[in-house]
PDB file of all heavy atoms in Angstrom:
ATOM      1  N   GLU A   1     111.640 106.169 111.113  1.00  0.00           N
ATOM      2  CA  GLU A   1     112.127 105.171 112.064  1.00  0.00           C
ATOM      3  C   GLU A   1     113.162 104.214 111.461  1.00  0.00           C
ATOM      4  O   GLU A   1     113.821 103.470 112.185  1.00  0.00           O
ATOM      5  CB  GLU A   1     110.954 104.354 112.607  1.00  0.00           C
ATOM      6  CG  GLU A   1     110.394 103.343 111.636  1.00  0.00           C
ATOM      7  CD  GLU A   1     109.232 102.527 112.199  1.00  0.00           C
ATOM      8  OE1 GLU A   1     108.773 102.838 113.322  1.00  0.00           O
ATOM      9  OE2 GLU A   1     108.787 101.598 111.503  1.00  0.00           O
ATOM     10  N   MET A   2     113.337 104.225 110.153  1.00  0.00           N
ATOM     11  CA  MET A   2     114.183 103.211 109.515  1.00  0.00           C
ATOM     12  C   MET A   2     115.627 103.202 110.010  1.00  0.00           C
ATOM     13  O   MET A   2     116.170 102.126 110.309  1.00  0.00           O
ATOM     14  CB  MET A   2     114.101 103.347 107.999  1.00  0.00           C
ATOM     15  CG  MET A   2     112.790 102.814 107.439  1.00  0.00           C
ATOM     16  SD  MET A   2     112.772 102.617 105.628  1.00  0.00           S
ATOM     17  CE  MET A   2     112.479 104.306 105.139  1.00  0.00           C
ATOM     18  N   PRO A   3     116.312 104.344 110.122  1.00  0.00           N
ATOM     19  CA  PRO A   3     117.712 104.268 110.598  1.00  0.00           C
ATOM     20  C   PRO A   3     117.842 103.659 111.992  1.00  0.00           C
ATOM     21  O   PRO A   3     118.792 102.907 112.250  1.00  0.00           O
ATOM     22  CB  PRO A   3     118.161 105.733 110.583  1.00  0.00           C
ATOM     23  CG  PRO A   3     117.278 106.395 109.581  1.00  0.00           C
ATOM     24  CD  PRO A   3     115.958 105.710 109.720  1.00  0.00           C
ATOM     25  N   SER A   4     116.898 103.943 112.879  1.00  0.00           N
ATOM     26  CA  SER A   4     116.979 103.385 114.226  1.00  0.00           C
ATOM     27  C   SER A   4     116.724 101.890 114.250  1.00  0.00           C
ATOM     28  O   SER A   4     117.039 101.214 115.237  1.00  0.00           O
ATOM     29  CB  SER A   4     115.980 104.095 115.154  1.00  0.00           C
ATOM     30  OG  SER A   4     114.649 103.736 114.851  1.00  0.00           O
ATOM     31  N   ARG A   5     116.139 101.356 113.177  1.00  0.00           N
ATOM     32  CA  ARG A   5     115.872  99.920 113.073  1.00  0.00           C
ATOM     33  C   ARG A   5     116.959  99.186 112.271  1.00  0.00           C
ATOM     34  O   ARG A   5     116.835  98.011 111.993  1.00  0.00           O
ATOM     35  CB  ARG A   5     114.521  99.668 112.396  1.00  0.00           C
ATOM     36  CG  ARG A   5     113.327 100.361 113.028  1.00  0.00           C
ATOM     37  CD  ARG A   5     113.143  99.960 114.491  1.00  0.00           C
ATOM     38  NE  ARG A   5     111.840 100.342 114.979  1.00  0.00           N
ATOM     39  CZ  ARG A   5     111.582 101.409 115.728  1.00  0.00           C
ATOM     40  NH1 ARG A   5     112.575 102.228 116.059  1.00  0.00           N
ATOM     41  NH2 ARG A   5     110.370 101.661 116.147  1.00  0.00           N
ATOM     42  N   GLY A   6     117.983  99.929 111.854  1.00  0.00           N
ATOM     43  CA  GLY A   6     119.022  99.308 111.057  1.00  0.00           C
ATOM     44  C   GLY A   6     118.605  99.067 109.620  1.00  0.00           C
ATOM     45  O   GLY A   6     119.212  98.245 108.920  1.00  0.00           O
ATOM     46  N   ILE A   7     117.589  99.786 109.145  1.00  0.00           N
ATOM     47  CA  ILE A   7     117.103  99.626 107.777  1.00  0.00           C
ATOM     48  C   ILE A   7     117.730 100.710 106.914  1.00  0.00           C
ATOM     49  O   ILE A   7     117.658 101.901 107.238  1.00  0.00           O
ATOM     50  CB  ILE A   7     115.565  99.725 107.722  1.00  0.00           C
ATOM     51  CG1 ILE A   7     114.939  98.638 108.599  1.00  0.00           C
ATOM     52  CG2 ILE A   7     115.067  99.604 106.291  1.00  0.00           C
ATOM     53  CD1 ILE A   7     113.431  98.757 108.735  1.00  0.00           C
ATOM     54  N   THR A   8     118.333 100.303 105.827  1.00  0.00           N
ATOM     55  CA  THR A   8     119.004 101.233 104.923  1.00  0.00           C
ATOM     56  C   THR A   8     118.471 101.060 103.503  1.00  0.00           C
ATOM     57  O   THR A   8     117.763 100.098 103.197  1.00  0.00           O
ATOM     58  CB  THR A   8     120.520 100.990 104.916  1.00  0.00           C
ATOM     59  OG1 THR A   8     120.777  99.708 104.315  1.00  0.00           O
ATOM     60  CG2 THR A   8     121.085 101.001 106.335  1.00  0.00           C
ATOM     61  N   ARG A   9     118.842 101.980 102.642  1.00  0.00           N
ATOM     62  CA  ARG A   9     118.481 101.855 101.220  1.00  0.00           C
ATOM     63  C   ARG A   9     119.089 100.599 100.613  1.00  0.00           C
ATOM     64  O   ARG A   9     118.536 100.008  99.679  1.00  0.00           O
ATOM     65  CB  ARG A   9     118.975 103.081 100.441  1.00  0.00           C
ATOM     66  CG  ARG A   9     118.206 104.361 100.716  1.00  0.00           C
ATOM     67  CD  ARG A   9     118.760 105.484  99.863  1.00  0.00           C
ATOM     68  NE  ARG A   9     118.110 106.746 100.134  1.00  0.00           N
ATOM     69  CZ  ARG A   9     116.996 107.166  99.532  1.00  0.00           C
ATOM     70  NH1 ARG A   9     116.433 106.405  98.606  1.00  0.00           N
ATOM     71  NH2 ARG A   9     116.478 108.339  99.829  1.00  0.00           N
ATOM     72  N   GLN A  10     120.233 100.183 101.164  1.00  0.00           N
ATOM     73  CA  GLN A  10     120.919  99.031 100.610  1.00  0.00           C
ATOM     74  C   GLN A  10     120.233  97.716 100.994  1.00  0.00           C
ATOM     75  O   GLN A  10     120.082  96.827 100.154  1.00  0.00           O
ATOM     76  CB  GLN A  10     122.382  99.006 101.079  1.00  0.00           C
ATOM     77  CG  GLN A  10     123.261 100.076 100.433  1.00  0.00           C
ATOM     78  CD  GLN A  10     122.900 101.492 100.896  1.00  0.00           C
ATOM     79  OE1 GLN A  10     122.616 101.707 102.079  1.00  0.00           O
ATOM     80  NE2 GLN A  10     122.912 102.438  99.966  1.00  0.00           N
ATOM     81  N   ASN A  11     119.831  97.580 102.290  1.00  0.00           N
ATOM     82  CA  ASN A  11     119.243  96.297 102.689  1.00  0.00           C
ATOM     83  C   ASN A  11     117.737  96.225 102.508  1.00  0.00           C
ATOM     84  O   ASN A  11     117.166  95.137 102.543  1.00  0.00           O
ATOM     85  CB  ASN A  11     119.644  95.927 104.136  1.00  0.00           C
ATOM     86  CG  ASN A  11     119.138  96.928 105.177  1.00  0.00           C
ATOM     87  OD1 ASN A  11     118.120  97.574 105.003  1.00  0.00           O
ATOM     88  ND2 ASN A  11     119.891  97.042 106.271  1.00  0.00           N
ATOM     89  N   ARG A  12     117.054  97.375 102.338  1.00  0.00           N
ATOM     90  CA  ARG A  12     115.619  97.353 102.075  1.00  0.00           C
ATOM     91  C   ARG A  12     115.238  98.430 101.058  1.00  0.00           C
ATOM     92  O   ARG A  12     114.462  99.352 101.355  1.00  0.00           O
ATOM     93  CB  ARG A  12     114.837  97.576 103.373  1.00  0.00           C
ATOM     94  CG  ARG A  12     114.827  96.390 104.318  1.00  0.00           C
ATOM     95  CD  ARG A  12     114.100  95.177 103.736  1.00  0.00           C
ATOM     96  NE  ARG A  12     112.761  95.493 103.322  1.00  0.00           N
ATOM     97  CZ  ARG A  12     111.705  95.506 104.142  1.00  0.00           C
ATOM     98  NH1 ARG A  12     111.866  95.222 105.423  1.00  0.00           N
ATOM     99  NH2 ARG A  12     110.499  95.791 103.685  1.00  0.00           N
ATOM    100  N   PRO A  13     115.741  98.337  99.829  1.00  0.00           N
ATOM    101  CA  PRO A  13     115.382  99.351  98.833  1.00  0.00           C
ATOM    102  C   PRO A  13     113.897  99.364  98.520  1.00  0.00           C
ATOM    103  O   PRO A  13     113.336 100.402  98.170  1.00  0.00           O
ATOM    104  CB  PRO A  13     116.218  98.934  97.610  1.00  0.00           C
ATOM    105  CG  PRO A  13     116.493  97.482  97.802  1.00  0.00           C
ATOM    106  CD  PRO A  13     116.638  97.299  99.280  1.00  0.00           C
ATOM    107  N   ASP A  14     113.231  98.210  98.654  1.00  0.00           N
ATOM    108  CA  ASP A  14     111.802  98.131  98.383  1.00  0.00           C
ATOM    109  C   ASP A  14     110.999  98.985  99.361  1.00  0.00           C
ATOM    110  O   ASP A  14     110.057  99.673  98.973  1.00  0.00           O
ATOM    111  CB  ASP A  14     111.332  96.679  98.470  1.00  0.00           C
ATOM    112  CG  ASP A  14     111.660  96.035  99.818  1.00  0.00           C
ATOM    113  OD1 ASP A  14     112.714  96.366 100.408  1.00  0.00           O
ATOM    114  OD2 ASP A  14     110.870  95.191 100.266  1.00  0.00           O
ATOM    115  N   ARG A  15     111.397  98.957 100.636  1.00  0.00           N
ATOM    116  CA  ARG A  15     110.669  99.744 101.636  1.00  0.00           C
ATOM    117  C   ARG A  15     110.865 101.239 101.396  1.00  0.00           C
ATOM    118  O   ARG A  15     109.898 102.014 101.478  1.00  0.00           O
ATOM    119  CB  ARG A  15     111.133  99.366 103.041  1.00  0.00           C
ATOM    120  CG  ARG A  15     110.535 100.252 104.125  1.00  0.00           C
ATOM    121  CD  ARG A  15     110.624  99.643 105.491  1.00  0.00           C
ATOM    122  NE  ARG A  15     110.241 100.605 106.523  1.00  0.00           N
ATOM    123  CZ  ARG A  15     109.785 100.271 107.713  1.00  0.00           C
ATOM    124  NH1 ARG A  15     109.626  98.998 108.025  1.00  0.00           N
ATOM    125  NH2 ARG A  15     109.475 101.194 108.596  1.00  0.00           N
ATOM    126  N   PHE A  16     112.078 101.654 101.120  1.00  0.00           N
ATOM    127  CA  PHE A  16     112.335 103.070 100.831  1.00  0.00           C
ATOM    128  C   PHE A  16     111.480 103.542  99.661  1.00  0.00           C
ATOM    129  O   PHE A  16     110.832 104.586  99.719  1.00  0.00           O
ATOM    130  CB  PHE A  16     113.819 103.287 100.519  1.00  0.00           C
ATOM    131  CG  PHE A  16     114.643 103.674 101.710  1.00  0.00           C
ATOM    132  CD1 PHE A  16     115.246 102.692 102.476  1.00  0.00           C
ATOM    133  CD2 PHE A  16     114.797 104.997 102.074  1.00  0.00           C
ATOM    134  CE1 PHE A  16     116.017 103.034 103.584  1.00  0.00           C
ATOM    135  CE2 PHE A  16     115.561 105.347 103.171  1.00  0.00           C
ATOM    136  CZ  PHE A  16     116.177 104.365 103.929  1.00  0.00           C
ATOM    137  N   ALA A  17     111.483 102.762  98.582  1.00  0.00           N
ATOM    138  CA  ALA A  17     110.756 103.172  97.377  1.00  0.00           C
ATOM    139  C   ALA A  17     109.251 103.206  97.624  1.00  0.00           C
ATOM    140  O   ALA A  17     108.565 104.143  97.191  1.00  0.00           O
ATOM    141  CB  ALA A  17     111.088 102.223  96.232  1.00  0.00           C
ATOM    142  N   ARG A  18     108.738 102.196  98.320  1.00  0.00           N
ATOM    143  CA  ARG A  18     107.295 102.143  98.540  1.00  0.00           C
ATOM    144  C   ARG A  18     106.811 103.294  99.399  1.00  0.00           C
ATOM    145  O   ARG A  18     105.803 103.941  99.093  1.00  0.00           O
ATOM    146  CB  ARG A  18     106.916 100.805  99.195  1.00  0.00           C
ATOM    147  CG  ARG A  18     105.409 100.604  99.324  1.00  0.00           C
ATOM    148  CD  ARG A  18     105.071  99.249  99.876  1.00  0.00           C
ATOM    149  NE  ARG A  18     103.692  98.890  99.590  1.00  0.00           N
ATOM    150  CZ  ARG A  18     103.124  97.760  99.984  1.00  0.00           C
ATOM    151  NH1 ARG A  18     103.823  96.873 100.662  1.00  0.00           N
ATOM    152  NH2 ARG A  18     101.858  97.521  99.690  1.00  0.00           N
ATOM    153  N   LEU A  19     107.509 103.563 100.494  1.00  0.00           N
ATOM    154  CA  LEU A  19     107.085 104.650 101.378  1.00  0.00           C
ATOM    155  C   LEU A  19     107.239 106.004 100.696  1.00  0.00           C
ATOM    156  O   LEU A  19     106.401 106.893 100.894  1.00  0.00           O
ATOM    157  CB  LEU A  19     107.887 104.604 102.681  1.00  0.00           C
ATOM    158  CG  LEU A  19     107.496 103.475 103.635  1.00  0.00           C
ATOM    159  CD1 LEU A  19     108.487 103.380 104.788  1.00  0.00           C
ATOM    160  CD2 LEU A  19     106.081 103.671 104.163  1.00  0.00           C
ATOM    161  N   ALA A  20     108.275 106.179  99.895  1.00  0.00           N
ATOM    162  CA  ALA A  20     108.433 107.435  99.163  1.00  0.00           C
ATOM    163  C   ALA A  20     107.265 107.649  98.211  1.00  0.00           C
ATOM    164  O   ALA A  20     106.723 108.760  98.106  1.00  0.00           O
ATOM    165  CB  ALA A  20     109.752 107.431  98.401  1.00  0.00           C
ATOM    166  N   ASP A  21     106.840 106.578  97.522  1.00  0.00           N
ATOM    167  CA  ASP A  21     105.699 106.689  96.606  1.00  0.00           C
ATOM    168  C   ASP A  21     104.411 107.010  97.362  1.00  0.00           C
ATOM    169  O   ASP A  21     103.608 107.837  96.913  1.00  0.00           O
ATOM    170  CB  ASP A  21     105.524 105.387  95.820  1.00  0.00           C
ATOM    171  CG  ASP A  21     106.591 105.199  94.755  1.00  0.00           C
ATOM    172  OD1 ASP A  21     107.290 106.183  94.434  1.00  0.00           O
ATOM    173  OD2 ASP A  21     106.728 104.071  94.250  1.00  0.00           O
ATOM    174  N   LEU A  22     104.207 106.347  98.490  1.00  0.00           N
ATOM    175  CA  LEU A  22     102.982 106.578  99.265  1.00  0.00           C
ATOM    176  C   LEU A  22     102.945 107.997  99.821  1.00  0.00           C
ATOM    177  O   LEU A  22     101.895 108.662  99.794  1.00  0.00           O
ATOM    178  CB  LEU A  22     102.892 105.562 100.404  1.00  0.00           C
ATOM    179  CG  LEU A  22     102.595 104.120  99.975  1.00  0.00           C
ATOM    180  CD1 LEU A  22     102.909 103.150 101.111  1.00  0.00           C
ATOM    181  CD2 LEU A  22     101.135 103.981  99.555  1.00  0.00           C
ATOM    182  N   LEU A  23     104.059 108.462 100.348  1.00  0.00           N
ATOM    183  CA  LEU A  23     104.116 109.834 100.846  1.00  0.00           C
ATOM    184  C   LEU A  23     103.869 110.836  99.722  1.00  0.00           C
ATOM    185  O   LEU A  23     103.109 111.807  99.890  1.00  0.00           O
ATOM    186  CB  LEU A  23     105.478 110.106 101.489  1.00  0.00           C
ATOM    187  CG  LEU A  23     105.651 109.718 102.954  1.00  0.00           C
ATOM    188  CD1 LEU A  23     107.107 109.786 103.356  1.00  0.00           C
ATOM    189  CD2 LEU A  23     104.808 110.607 103.847  1.00  0.00           C
ATOM    190  N   ASP A  24     104.479 110.590  98.590  1.00  0.00           N
ATOM    191  CA  ASP A  24     104.290 111.495  97.454  1.00  0.00           C
ATOM    192  C   ASP A  24     102.838 111.509  97.002  1.00  0.00           C
ATOM    193  O   ASP A  24     102.294 112.563  96.650  1.00  0.00           O
ATOM    194  CB  ASP A  24     105.199 111.072  96.300  1.00  0.00           C
ATOM    195  CG  ASP A  24     105.119 112.033  95.128  1.00  0.00           C
ATOM    196  OD1 ASP A  24     105.552 113.187  95.275  1.00  0.00           O
ATOM    197  OD2 ASP A  24     104.600 111.629  94.062  1.00  0.00           O
ATOM    198  N   HIS A  25     102.185 110.337  97.040  1.00  0.00           N
ATOM    199  CA  HIS A  25     100.776 110.270  96.626  1.00  0.00           C
ATOM    200  C   HIS A  25      99.894 111.096  97.558  1.00  0.00           C
ATOM    201  O   HIS A  25      99.033 111.869  97.096  1.00  0.00           O
ATOM    202  CB  HIS A  25     100.300 108.822  96.616  1.00  0.00           C
ATOM    203  CG  HIS A  25      98.857 108.666  96.269  1.00  0.00           C
ATOM    204  ND1 HIS A  25      98.387 108.759  94.979  1.00  0.00           N
ATOM    205  CD2 HIS A  25      97.760 108.456  97.041  1.00  0.00           C
ATOM    206  CE1 HIS A  25      97.070 108.597  94.964  1.00  0.00           C
ATOM    207  NE2 HIS A  25      96.678 108.414  96.210  1.00  0.00           N
ATOM    208  N   GLU A  26     100.088 110.952  98.873  1.00  0.00           N
ATOM    209  CA  GLU A  26      99.268 111.716  99.822  1.00  0.00           C
ATOM    210  C   GLU A  26      99.547 113.209  99.701  1.00  0.00           C
ATOM    211  O   GLU A  26      98.628 114.036  99.760  1.00  0.00           O
ATOM    212  CB  GLU A  26      99.502 111.240 101.253  1.00  0.00           C
ATOM    213  CG  GLU A  26      99.102 109.803 101.518  1.00  0.00           C
ATOM    214  CD  GLU A  26      97.639 109.508 101.224  1.00  0.00           C
ATOM    215  OE1 GLU A  26      96.807 110.442 101.251  1.00  0.00           O
ATOM    216  OE2 GLU A  26      97.315 108.338 100.963  1.00  0.00           O
ATOM    217  N   LEU A  27     100.809 113.581  99.525  1.00  0.00           N
ATOM    218  CA  LEU A  27     101.146 114.995  99.348  1.00  0.00           C
ATOM    219  C   LEU A  27     100.516 115.544  98.075  1.00  0.00           C
ATOM    220  O   LEU A  27     100.013 116.682  98.061  1.00  0.00           O
ATOM    221  CB  LEU A  27     102.662 115.171  99.310  1.00  0.00           C
ATOM    222  CG  LEU A  27     103.386 115.054 100.650  1.00  0.00           C
ATOM    223  CD1 LEU A  27     104.880 114.898 100.435  1.00  0.00           C
ATOM    224  CD2 LEU A  27     103.093 116.263 101.521  1.00  0.00           C
ATOM    225  N   THR A  28     100.523 114.756  97.010  1.00  0.00           N
ATOM    226  CA  THR A  28      99.914 115.199  95.758  1.00  0.00           C
ATOM    227  C   THR A  28      98.417 115.426  95.932  1.00  0.00           C
ATOM    228  O   THR A  28      97.860 116.425  95.444  1.00  0.00           O
ATOM    229  CB  THR A  28     100.160 114.157  94.651  1.00  0.00           C
ATOM    230  OG1 THR A  28     101.566 114.018  94.446  1.00  0.00           O
ATOM    231  CG2 THR A  28      99.507 114.576  93.345  1.00  0.00           C
ATOM    232  N   GLU A  29      97.751 114.500  96.645  1.00  0.00           N
ATOM    233  CA  GLU A  29      96.313 114.653  96.905  1.00  0.00           C
ATOM    234  C   GLU A  29      96.042 115.914  97.711  1.00  0.00           C
ATOM    235  O   GLU A  29      95.098 116.667  97.427  1.00  0.00           O
ATOM    236  CB  GLU A  29      95.782 113.428  97.647  1.00  0.00           C
ATOM    237  CG  GLU A  29      95.710 112.160  96.822  1.00  0.00           C
ATOM    238  CD  GLU A  29      94.647 112.259  95.746  1.00  0.00           C
ATOM    239  OE1 GLU A  29      93.513 112.634  96.058  1.00  0.00           O
ATOM    240  OE2 GLU A  29      94.976 111.981  94.569  1.00  0.00           O
ATOM    241  N   LEU A  30      96.851 116.161  98.721  1.00  0.00           N
ATOM    242  CA  LEU A  30      96.641 117.333  99.570  1.00  0.00           C
ATOM    243  C   LEU A  30      96.971 118.619  98.813  1.00  0.00           C
ATOM    244  O   LEU A  30      96.300 119.645  99.010  1.00  0.00           O
ATOM    245  CB  LEU A  30      97.495 117.214 100.833  1.00  0.00           C
ATOM    246  CG  LEU A  30      97.047 116.105 101.805  1.00  0.00           C
ATOM    247  CD1 LEU A  30      98.125 115.830 102.849  1.00  0.00           C
ATOM    248  CD2 LEU A  30      95.739 116.486 102.486  1.00  0.00           C
ATOM    249  N   ARG A  31      97.985 118.584  97.960  1.00  0.00           N
ATOM    250  CA  ARG A  31      98.289 119.763  97.136  1.00  0.00           C
ATOM    251  C   ARG A  31      97.123 120.059  96.196  1.00  0.00           C
ATOM    252  O   ARG A  31      96.719 121.220  96.035  1.00  0.00           O
ATOM    253  CB  ARG A  31      99.553 119.524  96.330  1.00  0.00           C
ATOM    254  CG  ARG A  31     100.852 119.501  97.115  1.00  0.00           C
ATOM    255  CD  ARG A  31     102.005 119.123  96.217  1.00  0.00           C
ATOM    256  NE  ARG A  31     103.236 118.871  96.946  1.00  0.00           N
ATOM    257  CZ  ARG A  31     104.046 117.848  96.702  1.00  0.00           C
ATOM    258  NH1 ARG A  31     103.752 116.979  95.744  1.00  0.00           N
ATOM    259  NH2 ARG A  31     105.154 117.684  97.409  1.00  0.00           N
ATOM    260  N   ARG A  32      96.595 119.008  95.556  1.00  0.00           N
ATOM    261  CA  ARG A  32      95.480 119.194  94.632  1.00  0.00           C
ATOM    262  C   ARG A  32      94.275 119.777  95.365  1.00  0.00           C
ATOM    263  O   ARG A  32      93.607 120.683  94.871  1.00  0.00           O
ATOM    264  CB  ARG A  32      95.111 117.864  93.984  1.00  0.00           C
ATOM    265  CG  ARG A  32      93.996 117.967  92.936  1.00  0.00           C
ATOM    266  CD  ARG A  32      93.662 116.624  92.358  1.00  0.00           C
ATOM    267  NE  ARG A  32      94.807 116.030  91.670  1.00  0.00           N
ATOM    268  CZ  ARG A  32      95.390 114.900  92.017  1.00  0.00           C
ATOM    269  NH1 ARG A  32      94.932 114.229  93.071  1.00  0.00           N
ATOM    270  NH2 ARG A  32      96.412 114.426  91.345  1.00  0.00           N
ATOM    271  N   ASP A  33      94.022 119.267  96.556  1.00  0.00           N
ATOM    272  CA  ASP A  33      92.904 119.793  97.342  1.00  0.00           C
ATOM    273  C   ASP A  33      93.150 121.247  97.709  1.00  0.00           C
ATOM    274  O   ASP A  33      92.223 122.066  97.703  1.00  0.00           O
ATOM    275  CB  ASP A  33      92.726 118.949  98.609  1.00  0.00           C
ATOM    276  CG  ASP A  33      91.649 119.498  99.520  1.00  0.00           C
ATOM    277  OD1 ASP A  33      90.470 119.435  99.136  1.00  0.00           O
ATOM    278  OD2 ASP A  33      91.999 120.009 100.603  1.00  0.00           O
ATOM    279  N   GLY A  34      94.420 121.581  98.038  1.00  0.00           N
ATOM    280  CA  GLY A  34      94.729 122.965  98.380  1.00  0.00           C
ATOM    281  C   GLY A  34      94.480 123.911  97.224  1.00  0.00           C
ATOM    282  O   GLY A  34      93.959 125.021  97.416  1.00  0.00           O
ATOM    283  N   VAL A  35      94.842 123.488  96.016  1.00  0.00           N
ATOM    284  CA  VAL A  35      94.587 124.316  94.827  1.00  0.00           C
ATOM    285  C   VAL A  35      93.094 124.514  94.630  1.00  0.00           C
ATOM    286  O   VAL A  35      92.616 125.627  94.357  1.00  0.00           O
ATOM    287  CB  VAL A  35      95.221 123.668  93.583  1.00  0.00           C
ATOM    288  CG1 VAL A  35      94.775 124.382  92.320  1.00  0.00           C
ATOM    289  CG2 VAL A  35      96.740 123.682  93.695  1.00  0.00           C
ATOM    290  N   GLN A  36      92.321 123.440  94.775  1.00  0.00           N
ATOM    291  CA  GLN A  36      90.871 123.541  94.607  1.00  0.00           C
ATOM    292  C   GLN A  36      90.252 124.449  95.661  1.00  0.00           C
ATOM    293  O   GLN A  36      89.334 125.229  95.369  1.00  0.00           O
ATOM    294  CB  GLN A  36      90.251 122.146  94.672  1.00  0.00           C
ATOM    295  CG  GLN A  36      90.636 121.259  93.491  1.00  0.00           C
ATOM    296  CD  GLN A  36      90.194 119.820  93.685  1.00  0.00           C
ATOM    297  OE1 GLN A  36      89.822 119.404  94.782  1.00  0.00           O
ATOM    298  NE2 GLN A  36      90.263 119.044  92.601  1.00  0.00           N
ATOM    299  N   ARG A  37      90.753 124.375  96.890  1.00  0.00           N
ATOM    300  CA  ARG A  37      90.235 125.228  97.956  1.00  0.00           C
ATOM    301  C   ARG A  37      90.495 126.706  97.645  1.00  0.00           C
ATOM    302  O   ARG A  37      89.620 127.555  97.816  1.00  0.00           O
ATOM    303  CB  ARG A  37      90.886 124.881  99.305  1.00  0.00           C
ATOM    304  CG  ARG A  37      90.324 123.650  99.968  1.00  0.00           C
ATOM    305  CD  ARG A  37      91.223 123.214 101.115  1.00  0.00           C
ATOM    306  NE  ARG A  37      90.525 122.258 101.933  1.00  0.00           N
ATOM    307  CZ  ARG A  37      89.871 122.552 103.044  1.00  0.00           C
ATOM    308  NH1 ARG A  37      89.821 123.796 103.463  1.00  0.00           N
ATOM    309  NH2 ARG A  37      89.257 121.625 103.735  1.00  0.00           N
ATOM    310  N   ARG A  38      91.729 126.986  97.191  1.00  0.00           N
ATOM    311  CA  ARG A  38      92.052 128.374  96.863  1.00  0.00           C
ATOM    312  C   ARG A  38      91.192 128.882  95.701  1.00  0.00           C
ATOM    313  O   ARG A  38      90.767 130.039  95.687  1.00  0.00           O
ATOM    314  CB  ARG A  38      93.536 128.492  96.541  1.00  0.00           C
ATOM    315  CG  ARG A  38      94.451 128.386  97.756  1.00  0.00           C
ATOM    316  CD  ARG A  38      95.871 128.772  97.431  1.00  0.00           C
ATOM    317  NE  ARG A  38      96.507 127.825  96.536  1.00  0.00           N
ATOM    318  CZ  ARG A  38      97.161 126.735  96.942  1.00  0.00           C
ATOM    319  NH1 ARG A  38      97.239 126.474  98.232  1.00  0.00           N
ATOM    320  NH2 ARG A  38      97.732 125.934  96.060  1.00  0.00           N
TER     321      ARG A  38
END
């Protein structure tokens, strides 16, 4: 939703970085679970 709100990497670098870290964390957890399931 950030581009539609006028939020860019330049005016809110903190938001970009935080959400990228959070998404990566959840993906890492789900990948780890997938390996364990297999």
